[in-house]
């Protein structure tokens, strides 16, 4: 099973989010950086929700953690 976890770190003047080897940045919001990388990997029909940090994340410099959620299709 593939991981749907996004890890967000501080970057120069903003935030950098990574998922499956892809990266996206945002200057104003860590949540928006996570949303951008999720949509880059899975398309526009996804969103993100906050997840709990683990001890290994903190040791690796991760500041925020998000989980990818799929939005219901609109008819």
N, C-alpha and C. Protein backbone atom coordinates (compact mmCIF):
# COMPACT_ATOMS: atom_id res chain seq x y z
N UNK A 1 0.84 -1.18 0.00
CA UNK A 1 0.00 0.00 0.00
C UNK A 1 0.88 1.24 0.00
N UNK A 2 0.52 2.23 -0.78
CA UNK A 2 1.32 3.45 -0.87
C UNK A 2 0.94 4.41 0.25
N UNK A 3 1.92 5.19 0.65
CA UNK A 3 1.71 6.14 1.73
C UNK A 3 1.01 7.39 1.21
N UNK A 4 0.08 7.90 1.99
CA UNK A 4 -0.62 9.13 1.66
C UNK A 4 -0.22 10.24 2.62
N UNK A 5 0.97 10.14 3.21
CA UNK A 5 1.44 11.10 4.19
C UNK A 5 2.34 12.14 3.55
N UNK A 6 2.05 13.39 3.83
CA UNK A 6 2.84 14.51 3.33
C UNK A 6 3.63 15.08 4.49
N UNK A 7 4.90 15.30 4.28
CA UNK A 7 5.75 15.90 5.31
C UNK A 7 6.14 17.30 4.86
N UNK A 8 5.99 18.27 5.77
CA UNK A 8 6.27 19.67 5.45
C UNK A 8 7.40 20.17 6.34
N UNK A 9 8.40 20.76 5.71
CA UNK A 9 9.54 21.35 6.41
C UNK A 9 9.59 22.84 6.14
N UNK A 10 10.30 23.55 7.02
CA UNK A 10 10.56 24.96 6.75
C UNK A 10 11.54 25.07 5.58
N UNK A 11 11.29 26.04 4.72
CA UNK A 11 12.19 26.32 3.61
C UNK A 11 12.55 27.80 3.69
N UNK A 12 13.45 28.23 2.88
CA UNK A 12 13.86 29.63 2.92
C UNK A 12 12.68 30.53 2.57
N UNK A 13 12.13 31.16 3.58
CA UNK A 13 11.03 32.09 3.35
C UNK A 13 9.68 31.43 3.17
N UNK A 14 9.53 30.17 3.51
CA UNK A 14 8.24 29.50 3.34
C UNK A 14 8.29 28.06 3.80
N UNK A 15 7.55 27.21 3.09
CA UNK A 15 7.43 25.81 3.46
C UNK A 15 7.62 24.93 2.22
N UNK A 16 8.17 23.75 2.44
CA UNK A 16 8.36 22.78 1.36
C UNK A 16 7.72 21.46 1.77
N UNK A 17 6.83 20.94 0.93
CA UNK A 17 6.12 19.70 1.21
C UNK A 17 6.58 18.63 0.23
N UNK A 18 6.70 17.38 0.71
CA UNK A 18 7.13 16.28 -0.14
C UNK A 18 6.17 15.09 -0.02
N UNK A 19 5.97 14.43 -1.16
CA UNK A 19 5.12 13.24 -1.24
C UNK A 19 5.56 12.43 -2.46
N UNK A 20 5.92 11.18 -2.27
CA UNK A 20 6.32 10.28 -3.36
C UNK A 20 7.38 10.89 -4.27
N UNK A 21 8.37 11.56 -3.70
CA UNK A 21 9.45 12.14 -4.48
C UNK A 21 9.12 13.45 -5.16
N UNK A 22 7.90 13.92 -5.05
CA UNK A 22 7.51 15.21 -5.60
C UNK A 22 7.61 16.26 -4.50
N UNK A 23 7.79 17.51 -4.89
CA UNK A 23 7.95 18.59 -3.94
C UNK A 23 7.17 19.80 -4.41
N UNK A 24 6.57 20.50 -3.45
CA UNK A 24 5.89 21.76 -3.75
C UNK A 24 6.20 22.73 -2.61
N UNK A 25 6.24 24.02 -2.95
CA UNK A 25 6.54 25.03 -1.94
C UNK A 25 5.44 26.07 -1.90
N UNK A 26 5.38 26.77 -0.78
CA UNK A 26 4.45 27.88 -0.63
C UNK A 26 5.07 28.85 0.38
N UNK A 27 4.97 30.13 0.11
CA UNK A 27 5.58 31.14 0.97
C UNK A 27 4.70 31.50 2.17
N UNK A 28 3.39 31.29 2.09
CA UNK A 28 2.53 31.80 3.16
C UNK A 28 1.86 30.74 4.02
N UNK A 29 1.79 29.48 3.60
CA UNK A 29 1.03 28.51 4.38
C UNK A 29 1.58 27.10 4.22
N UNK A 30 1.82 26.42 5.34
CA UNK A 30 2.27 25.03 5.29
C UNK A 30 1.16 24.13 4.76
N UNK A 31 -0.09 24.45 5.05
CA UNK A 31 -1.21 23.65 4.55
C UNK A 31 -1.34 23.78 3.03
N UNK A 32 -1.13 24.96 2.50
CA UNK A 32 -1.21 25.15 1.06
C UNK A 32 -0.07 24.42 0.34
N UNK A 33 1.11 24.39 0.94
CA UNK A 33 2.22 23.62 0.35
C UNK A 33 1.86 22.14 0.29
N UNK A 34 1.25 21.63 1.35
CA UNK A 34 0.81 20.22 1.36
C UNK A 34 -0.26 19.97 0.31
N UNK A 35 -1.21 20.89 0.19
CA UNK A 35 -2.28 20.74 -0.80
C UNK A 35 -1.72 20.75 -2.22
N UNK A 36 -0.74 21.61 -2.47
CA UNK A 36 -0.16 21.69 -3.82
C UNK A 36 0.55 20.40 -4.22
N UNK A 37 1.31 19.82 -3.29
CA UNK A 37 2.01 18.58 -3.65
C UNK A 37 1.02 17.43 -3.79
N UNK A 38 -0.03 17.40 -2.98
CA UNK A 38 -1.05 16.34 -3.10
C UNK A 38 -1.73 16.42 -4.46
N UNK A 39 -2.05 17.61 -4.89
CA UNK A 39 -2.72 17.78 -6.19
C UNK A 39 -1.76 17.54 -7.35
N UNK A 40 -0.49 17.77 -7.13
CA UNK A 40 0.50 17.48 -8.17
C UNK A 40 0.59 15.96 -8.40
N UNK A 41 0.48 15.17 -7.32
CA UNK A 41 0.61 13.71 -7.42
C UNK A 41 -0.71 13.05 -7.79
N UNK A 42 -1.83 13.47 -7.16
CA UNK A 42 -3.10 12.76 -7.31
C UNK A 42 -4.16 13.50 -8.12
N UNK A 43 -3.92 14.72 -8.54
CA UNK A 43 -4.91 15.46 -9.30
C UNK A 43 -5.73 16.40 -8.42
N UNK A 44 -6.67 17.09 -9.03
CA UNK A 44 -7.43 18.13 -8.35
C UNK A 44 -8.49 17.62 -7.37
N UNK A 45 -8.83 16.34 -7.40
CA UNK A 45 -9.91 15.82 -6.58
C UNK A 45 -9.45 15.37 -5.19
N UNK A 46 -8.39 15.97 -4.67
CA UNK A 46 -7.91 15.62 -3.33
C UNK A 46 -7.77 16.87 -2.47
N UNK A 47 -7.73 16.65 -1.17
CA UNK A 47 -7.47 17.71 -0.21
C UNK A 47 -6.58 17.11 0.88
N UNK A 48 -6.24 17.89 1.89
CA UNK A 48 -5.39 17.40 2.96
C UNK A 48 -6.03 17.69 4.31
N UNK A 49 -5.65 16.87 5.30
CA UNK A 49 -6.06 17.13 6.67
C UNK A 49 -4.84 16.93 7.56
N UNK A 50 -4.76 17.67 8.67
CA UNK A 50 -3.59 17.56 9.56
C UNK A 50 -3.47 16.16 10.16
N UNK A 51 -2.24 15.75 10.38
CA UNK A 51 -1.95 14.46 10.98
C UNK A 51 -0.96 14.71 12.12
N UNK A 52 -0.81 13.73 13.01
CA UNK A 52 0.09 13.88 14.15
C UNK A 52 1.53 13.66 13.74
N UNK A 53 2.43 14.47 14.31
CA UNK A 53 3.86 14.27 14.09
C UNK A 53 4.33 13.06 14.88
N UNK A 54 5.30 12.37 14.34
CA UNK A 54 5.92 11.25 15.04
C UNK A 54 7.31 11.68 15.50
N UNK A 55 7.88 10.94 16.42
CA UNK A 55 9.22 11.27 16.91
C UNK A 55 10.25 11.25 15.79
N UNK A 56 10.11 10.33 14.87
CA UNK A 56 11.05 10.26 13.75
C UNK A 56 10.92 11.47 12.83
N UNK A 57 9.72 12.04 12.71
CA UNK A 57 9.53 13.25 11.90
C UNK A 57 10.28 14.42 12.52
N UNK A 58 10.13 14.59 13.81
CA UNK A 58 10.79 15.70 14.50
C UNK A 58 12.31 15.58 14.37
N UNK A 59 12.82 14.38 14.52
CA UNK A 59 14.26 14.16 14.38
C UNK A 59 14.75 14.46 12.97
N UNK A 60 13.88 14.30 11.98
CA UNK A 60 14.25 14.55 10.58
C UNK A 60 14.00 16.00 10.15
N UNK A 61 13.52 16.84 11.06
CA UNK A 61 13.29 18.24 10.73
C UNK A 61 11.92 18.55 10.16
N UNK A 62 11.01 17.60 10.23
CA UNK A 62 9.65 17.81 9.73
C UNK A 62 8.88 18.64 10.75
N UNK A 63 8.21 19.70 10.29
CA UNK A 63 7.46 20.57 11.20
C UNK A 63 5.97 20.27 11.22
N UNK A 64 5.43 19.82 10.07
CA UNK A 64 4.00 19.54 9.94
C UNK A 64 3.83 18.25 9.15
N UNK A 65 2.71 17.58 9.40
CA UNK A 65 2.42 16.33 8.70
C UNK A 65 0.95 16.37 8.30
N UNK A 66 0.66 16.00 7.07
CA UNK A 66 -0.70 15.99 6.55
C UNK A 66 -1.00 14.64 5.92
N UNK A 67 -2.27 14.34 5.79
CA UNK A 67 -2.75 13.12 5.17
C UNK A 67 -3.64 13.49 3.99
N UNK A 68 -3.50 12.80 2.88
CA UNK A 68 -4.29 13.07 1.68
C UNK A 68 -5.69 12.48 1.84
N UNK A 69 -6.70 13.27 1.53
CA UNK A 69 -8.08 12.79 1.52
C UNK A 69 -8.67 13.02 0.14
N UNK A 70 -9.50 12.11 -0.30
CA UNK A 70 -10.15 12.25 -1.60
C UNK A 70 -11.49 12.93 -1.44
N UNK A 71 -11.74 13.93 -2.24
CA UNK A 71 -13.01 14.65 -2.19
C UNK A 71 -14.06 13.88 -3.01
N UNK A 72 -15.31 13.90 -2.58
CA UNK A 72 -16.35 13.24 -3.37
C UNK A 72 -16.54 13.94 -4.71
N UNK A 73 -16.91 13.17 -5.71
CA UNK A 73 -17.11 13.74 -7.05
C UNK A 73 -18.39 14.55 -7.08
N UNK A 74 -18.34 15.67 -7.77
CA UNK A 74 -19.51 16.54 -7.93
C UNK A 74 -20.18 16.21 -9.26
N UNK A 75 -21.47 16.04 -9.27
CA UNK A 75 -22.20 15.75 -10.52
C UNK A 75 -22.73 17.00 -11.14
